[in-house]
Structures are given as structure tokens and as C-alpha cells.
Amino acid sequence: MLVDLINQFSADDLNQAAQKKETLGKDDFLRLLVTQLKNQDPLEPLKNEDFIAQLATFNSLEQMINLNKQFETMLLLQQVTQASALIGKEVTYYDAEGAAHEGTVDSVDLAGDVPQLNVGGVLIDITDVAAISAAS
């Protein structure tokens, strides 16, 4: 009975998560744990070992989420450092149609999730750079 309820809850939760954000987070885990505790058999309650194991899993999940956020911040800082090193350099880049352009990097724009290079008033993604050389 409890297993069926948990399976149903987790299947619904997985479907909703897939539609919303494609991943389950700590809130989803807590809702699942609370549902399990509410619907447990009073004659055979959750064993302490099982509960502690689930709490340990939740703690691990929370730590992984925090670590992932730190990695994302570190990646952004690395991208900013790489982009700022290109200021004053001559770059060759390709536009959306595949045409090659050249210009000097004037500045770096940090408005989006990824730093963009300002080359002659045109903002380009650093991944579109094909070649870098010293300014003439």
C-alpha cells in the first residue's frame, strides 16, 4: 500500500518536474519524504535506520546542489577572465550565417549568462571566436 502510494506520488512528481524544470530538487525530495511519513503503516512505522538513510540522502542532495552552484559561479568567473584577456586583441568570428568577420575587442558585456565580446559595436559570444591575434 505504502509502496504503491509512494510510486504514484513519485511518478506524478517526476512528470511535473519533467514538464517544469527537467530535474528534481530538494523540495521534491522533502515532499516525497513527508508523504511517505504521513502514509506509513502505524503498525510498521519507518525504521530509524531507514529514516536516517533518507536524511543522509537529502543532505547529500543539498550539498551537491550547493556544489553545482559554486561550479557555475566558478565557470562564469573563468569565462569573464578569458573574455577580458581578449580586450585589445584582434579576433576573427563567424556570424549566424557563417560569414567571417574581423575586428578588435573593445570591451566585454556581462549582461547575460555568458560574457559577450564587443567587437566594433557588435556583441559576439566568445564561442563564436575562430582566431585571436595581437592587435596591429
C-alpha atoms as a PDB file:
ATOM      1  CA  MET A   1       0.000   0.000   0.000  1.00  0.00           C
ATOM      2  CA  LEU A   2       2.657   2.497   1.046  1.00  0.00           C
ATOM      3  CA  VAL A   3       4.915   1.473  -1.812  1.00  0.00           C
ATOM      4  CA  ASP A   4       2.091   1.987  -4.321  1.00  0.00           C
ATOM      5  CA  LEU A   5       1.340   5.432  -2.880  1.00  0.00           C
ATOM      6  CA  ILE A   6       4.992   6.444  -2.999  1.00  0.00           C
ATOM      7  CA  ASN A   7       5.357   5.089  -6.527  1.00  0.00           C
ATOM      8  CA  GLN A   8       2.278   7.046  -7.624  1.00  0.00           C
ATOM      9  CA  PHE A   9       3.491  10.204  -5.893  1.00  0.00           C
ATOM     10  CA  SER A  10       6.950   9.962  -7.349  1.00  0.00           C
ATOM     11  CA  ALA A  11       5.632   9.231 -10.859  1.00  0.00           C
ATOM     12  CA  ASP A  12       3.375  12.296 -10.725  1.00  0.00           C
ATOM     13  CA  ASP A  13       6.197  14.342  -9.251  1.00  0.00           C
ATOM     14  CA  LEU A  14       8.608  13.166 -11.953  1.00  0.00           C
ATOM     15  CA  ASN A  15       6.120  14.077 -14.685  1.00  0.00           C
ATOM     16  CA  GLN A  16       5.557  17.551 -13.225  1.00  0.00           C
ATOM     17  CA  ALA A  17       9.283  18.090 -12.763  1.00  0.00           C
ATOM     18  CA  ALA A  18       9.976  16.983 -16.317  1.00  0.00           C
ATOM     19  CA  GLN A  19       7.446  19.499 -17.624  1.00  0.00           C
ATOM     20  CA  LYS A  20       8.673  22.336 -15.399  1.00  0.00           C
ATOM     21  CA  LYS A  21      12.397  22.085 -14.931  1.00  0.00           C
ATOM     22  CA  GLU A  22      13.541  18.621 -16.030  1.00  0.00           C
ATOM     23  CA  THR A  23      15.219  17.866 -12.661  1.00  0.00           C
ATOM     24  CA  LEU A  24      14.120  17.038  -9.156  1.00  0.00           C
ATOM     25  CA  GLY A  25      15.393  19.205  -6.328  1.00  0.00           C
ATOM     26  CA  LYS A  26      15.473  19.200  -2.574  1.00  0.00           C
ATOM     27  CA  ASP A  27      11.863  20.441  -2.320  1.00  0.00           C
ATOM     28  CA  ASP A  28      10.696  17.458  -4.358  1.00  0.00           C
ATOM     29  CA  PHE A  29      12.685  15.111  -2.130  1.00  0.00           C
ATOM     30  CA  LEU A  30      11.203  16.654   1.025  1.00  0.00           C
ATOM     31  CA  ARG A  31       7.649  16.374  -0.326  1.00  0.00           C
ATOM     32  CA  LEU A  32       8.251  12.718  -1.103  1.00  0.00           C
ATOM     33  CA  LEU A  33       9.674  12.103   2.375  1.00  0.00           C
ATOM     34  CA  VAL A  34       6.761  13.883   4.104  1.00  0.00           C
ATOM     35  CA  THR A  35       4.236  11.927   2.016  1.00  0.00           C
ATOM     36  CA  GLN A  36       5.972   8.717   2.993  1.00  0.00           C
ATOM     37  CA  LEU A  37       5.856   9.648   6.691  1.00  0.00           C
ATOM     38  CA  LYS A  38       2.189  10.702   6.557  1.00  0.00           C
ATOM     39  CA  ASN A  39       1.097   7.497   4.887  1.00  0.00           C
ATOM     40  CA  GLN A  40       3.208   4.946   6.716  1.00  0.00           C
ATOM     41  CA  ASP A  41       1.600   1.953   8.391  1.00  0.00           C
ATOM     42  CA  PRO A  42       1.273   2.774  12.142  1.00  0.00           C
ATOM     43  CA  LEU A  43       1.832  -0.888  12.974  1.00  0.00           C
ATOM     44  CA  GLU A  44       5.066  -0.972  10.960  1.00  0.00           C
ATOM     45  CA  PRO A  45       6.498   2.551  11.060  1.00  0.00           C
ATOM     46  CA  LEU A  46       9.597   3.604   9.207  1.00  0.00           C
ATOM     47  CA  LYS A  47      12.670   2.209  10.911  1.00  0.00           C
ATOM     48  CA  ASN A  48      15.148   4.679  12.374  1.00  0.00           C
ATOM     49  CA  GLU A  49      17.881   3.362  10.092  1.00  0.00           C
ATOM     50  CA  ASP A  50      15.740   3.943   7.013  1.00  0.00           C
ATOM     51  CA  PHE A  51      14.800   7.447   8.128  1.00  0.00           C
ATOM     52  CA  ILE A  52      18.440   8.339   8.864  1.00  0.00           C
ATOM     53  CA  ALA A  53      19.475   6.945   5.478  1.00  0.00           C
ATOM     54  CA  GLN A  54      16.870   9.140   3.762  1.00  0.00           C
ATOM     55  CA  LEU A  55      18.016  12.193   5.710  1.00  0.00           C
ATOM     56  CA  ALA A  56      21.606  11.435   4.722  1.00  0.00           C
ATOM     57  CA  THR A  57      20.496  11.202   1.091  1.00  0.00           C
ATOM     58  CA  PHE A  58      18.723  14.542   1.428  1.00  0.00           C
ATOM     59  CA  ASN A  59      21.841  16.100   2.957  1.00  0.00           C
ATOM     60  CA  SER A  60      23.960  14.736   0.094  1.00  0.00           C
ATOM     61  CA  LEU A  61      21.488  16.139  -2.435  1.00  0.00           C
ATOM     62  CA  GLU A  62      21.609  19.565  -0.804  1.00  0.00           C
ATOM     63  CA  GLN A  63      25.414  19.547  -0.776  1.00  0.00           C
ATOM     64  CA  MET A  64      25.531  18.557  -4.462  1.00  0.00           C
ATOM     65  CA  ILE A  65      23.158  21.401  -5.337  1.00  0.00           C
ATOM     66  CA  ASN A  66      25.360  23.872  -3.433  1.00  0.00           C
ATOM     67  CA  LEU A  67      28.485  22.480  -5.091  1.00  0.00           C
ATOM     68  CA  ASN A  68      26.854  22.779  -8.513  1.00  0.00           C
ATOM     69  CA  LYS A  69      26.042  26.450  -7.855  1.00  0.00           C
ATOM     70  CA  GLN A  70      29.646  27.069  -6.854  1.00  0.00           C
ATOM     71  CA  PHE A  71      30.877  25.359 -10.037  1.00  0.00           C
ATOM     72  CA  GLU A  72      28.548  27.524 -12.134  1.00  0.00           C
ATOM     73  CA  THR A  73      29.932  30.652 -10.442  1.00  0.00           C
ATOM     74  CA  MET A  74      33.484  29.454 -10.985  1.00  0.00           C
ATOM     75  CA  LEU A  75      32.761  28.752 -14.667  1.00  0.00           C
ATOM     76  CA  LEU A  76      31.316  32.243 -15.127  1.00  0.00           C
ATOM     77  CA  LEU A  77      34.376  33.810 -13.485  1.00  0.00           C
ATOM     78  CA  GLN A  78      36.651  31.764 -15.738  1.00  0.00           C
ATOM     79  CA  GLN A  79      34.707  32.877 -18.816  1.00  0.00           C
ATOM     80  CA  VAL A  80      34.904  36.518 -17.697  1.00  0.00           C
ATOM     81  CA  THR A  81      38.665  36.172 -17.193  1.00  0.00           C
ATOM     82  CA  GLN A  82      39.095  34.626 -20.641  1.00  0.00           C
ATOM     83  CA  ALA A  83      36.915  37.258 -22.274  1.00  0.00           C
ATOM     84  CA  SER A  84      38.655  40.170 -20.554  1.00  0.00           C
ATOM     85  CA  ALA A  85      42.030  38.836 -21.703  1.00  0.00           C
ATOM     86  CA  LEU A  86      40.827  39.399 -25.272  1.00  0.00           C
ATOM     87  CA  ILE A  87      40.293  43.161 -24.843  1.00  0.00           C
ATOM     88  CA  GLY A  88      42.534  44.925 -27.350  1.00  0.00           C
ATOM     89  CA  LYS A  89      43.138  41.737 -29.362  1.00  0.00           C
ATOM     90  CA  GLU A  90      42.204  41.185 -32.979  1.00  0.00           C
ATOM     91  CA  VAL A  91      39.619  38.399 -33.381  1.00  0.00           C
ATOM     92  CA  THR A  92      38.034  36.576 -36.274  1.00  0.00           C
ATOM     93  CA  TYR A  93      34.486  35.352 -35.649  1.00  0.00           C
ATOM     94  CA  TYR A  94      31.582  33.901 -37.571  1.00  0.00           C
ATOM     95  CA  ASP A  95      28.068  35.338 -37.586  1.00  0.00           C
ATOM     96  CA  ALA A  96      24.809  33.335 -37.686  1.00  0.00           C
ATOM     97  CA  GLU A  97      25.022  32.985 -41.483  1.00  0.00           C
ATOM     98  CA  GLY A  98      28.583  31.627 -41.287  1.00  0.00           C
ATOM     99  CA  ALA A  99      30.277  34.746 -42.685  1.00  0.00           C
ATOM    100  CA  ALA A 100      33.694  35.547 -41.220  1.00  0.00           C
ATOM    101  CA  HIS A 101      34.335  38.981 -39.658  1.00  0.00           C
ATOM    102  CA  GLU A 102      37.380  40.548 -38.061  1.00  0.00           C
ATOM    103  CA  GLY A 103      37.738  43.280 -35.503  1.00  0.00           C
ATOM    104  CA  THR A 104      39.320  44.419 -32.279  1.00  0.00           C
ATOM    105  CA  VAL A 105      37.683  43.531 -28.979  1.00  0.00           C
ATOM    106  CA  ASP A 106      36.723  46.853 -27.375  1.00  0.00           C
ATOM    107  CA  SER A 107      35.076  45.570 -24.182  1.00  0.00           C
ATOM    108  CA  VAL A 108      33.227  42.679 -22.548  1.00  0.00           C
ATOM    109  CA  ASP A 109      29.491  42.756 -21.863  1.00  0.00           C
ATOM    110  CA  LEU A 110      28.356  40.830 -18.778  1.00  0.00           C
ATOM    111  CA  ALA A 111      24.598  41.301 -19.212  1.00  0.00           C
ATOM    112  CA  GLY A 112      23.744  37.655 -19.956  1.00  0.00           C
ATOM    113  CA  ASP A 113      24.726  34.295 -18.566  1.00  0.00           C
ATOM    114  CA  VAL A 114      27.783  34.187 -20.831  1.00  0.00           C
ATOM    115  CA  PRO A 115      30.179  37.117 -21.303  1.00  0.00           C
ATOM    116  CA  GLN A 116      29.998  38.623 -24.774  1.00  0.00           C
ATOM    117  CA  LEU A 117      32.725  40.442 -26.647  1.00  0.00           C
ATOM    118  CA  ASN A 118      32.047  43.907 -28.030  1.00  0.00           C
ATOM    119  CA  VAL A 119      33.787  43.990 -31.409  1.00  0.00           C
ATOM    120  CA  GLY A 120      33.169  47.276 -33.204  1.00  0.00           C
ATOM    121  CA  GLY A 121      29.762  47.676 -31.555  1.00  0.00           C
ATOM    122  CA  VAL A 122      28.693  44.103 -32.312  1.00  0.00           C
ATOM    123  CA  LEU A 123      28.223  41.724 -29.375  1.00  0.00           C
ATOM    124  CA  ILE A 124      29.505  38.234 -30.094  1.00  0.00           C
ATOM    125  CA  ASP A 125      29.616  35.114 -27.982  1.00  0.00           C
ATOM    126  CA  ILE A 126      33.127  34.050 -27.037  1.00  0.00           C
ATOM    127  CA  THR A 127      32.401  30.615 -28.511  1.00  0.00           C
ATOM    128  CA  ASP A 128      31.995  32.197 -31.962  1.00  0.00           C
ATOM    129  CA  VAL A 129      35.639  33.339 -31.999  1.00  0.00           C
ATOM    130  CA  ALA A 130      37.639  31.384 -34.564  1.00  0.00           C
ATOM    131  CA  ALA A 131      41.030  33.109 -34.310  1.00  0.00           C
ATOM    132  CA  ILE A 132      42.837  35.525 -31.996  1.00  0.00           C
ATOM    133  CA  SER A 133      45.883  37.640 -32.785  1.00  0.00           C
ATOM    134  CA  ALA A 134      47.718  40.651 -31.393  1.00  0.00           C
ATOM    135  CA  ALA A 135      46.273  44.000 -32.468  1.00  0.00           C
ATOM    136  CA  SER A 136      48.064  45.641 -35.391  1.00  0.00           C
END
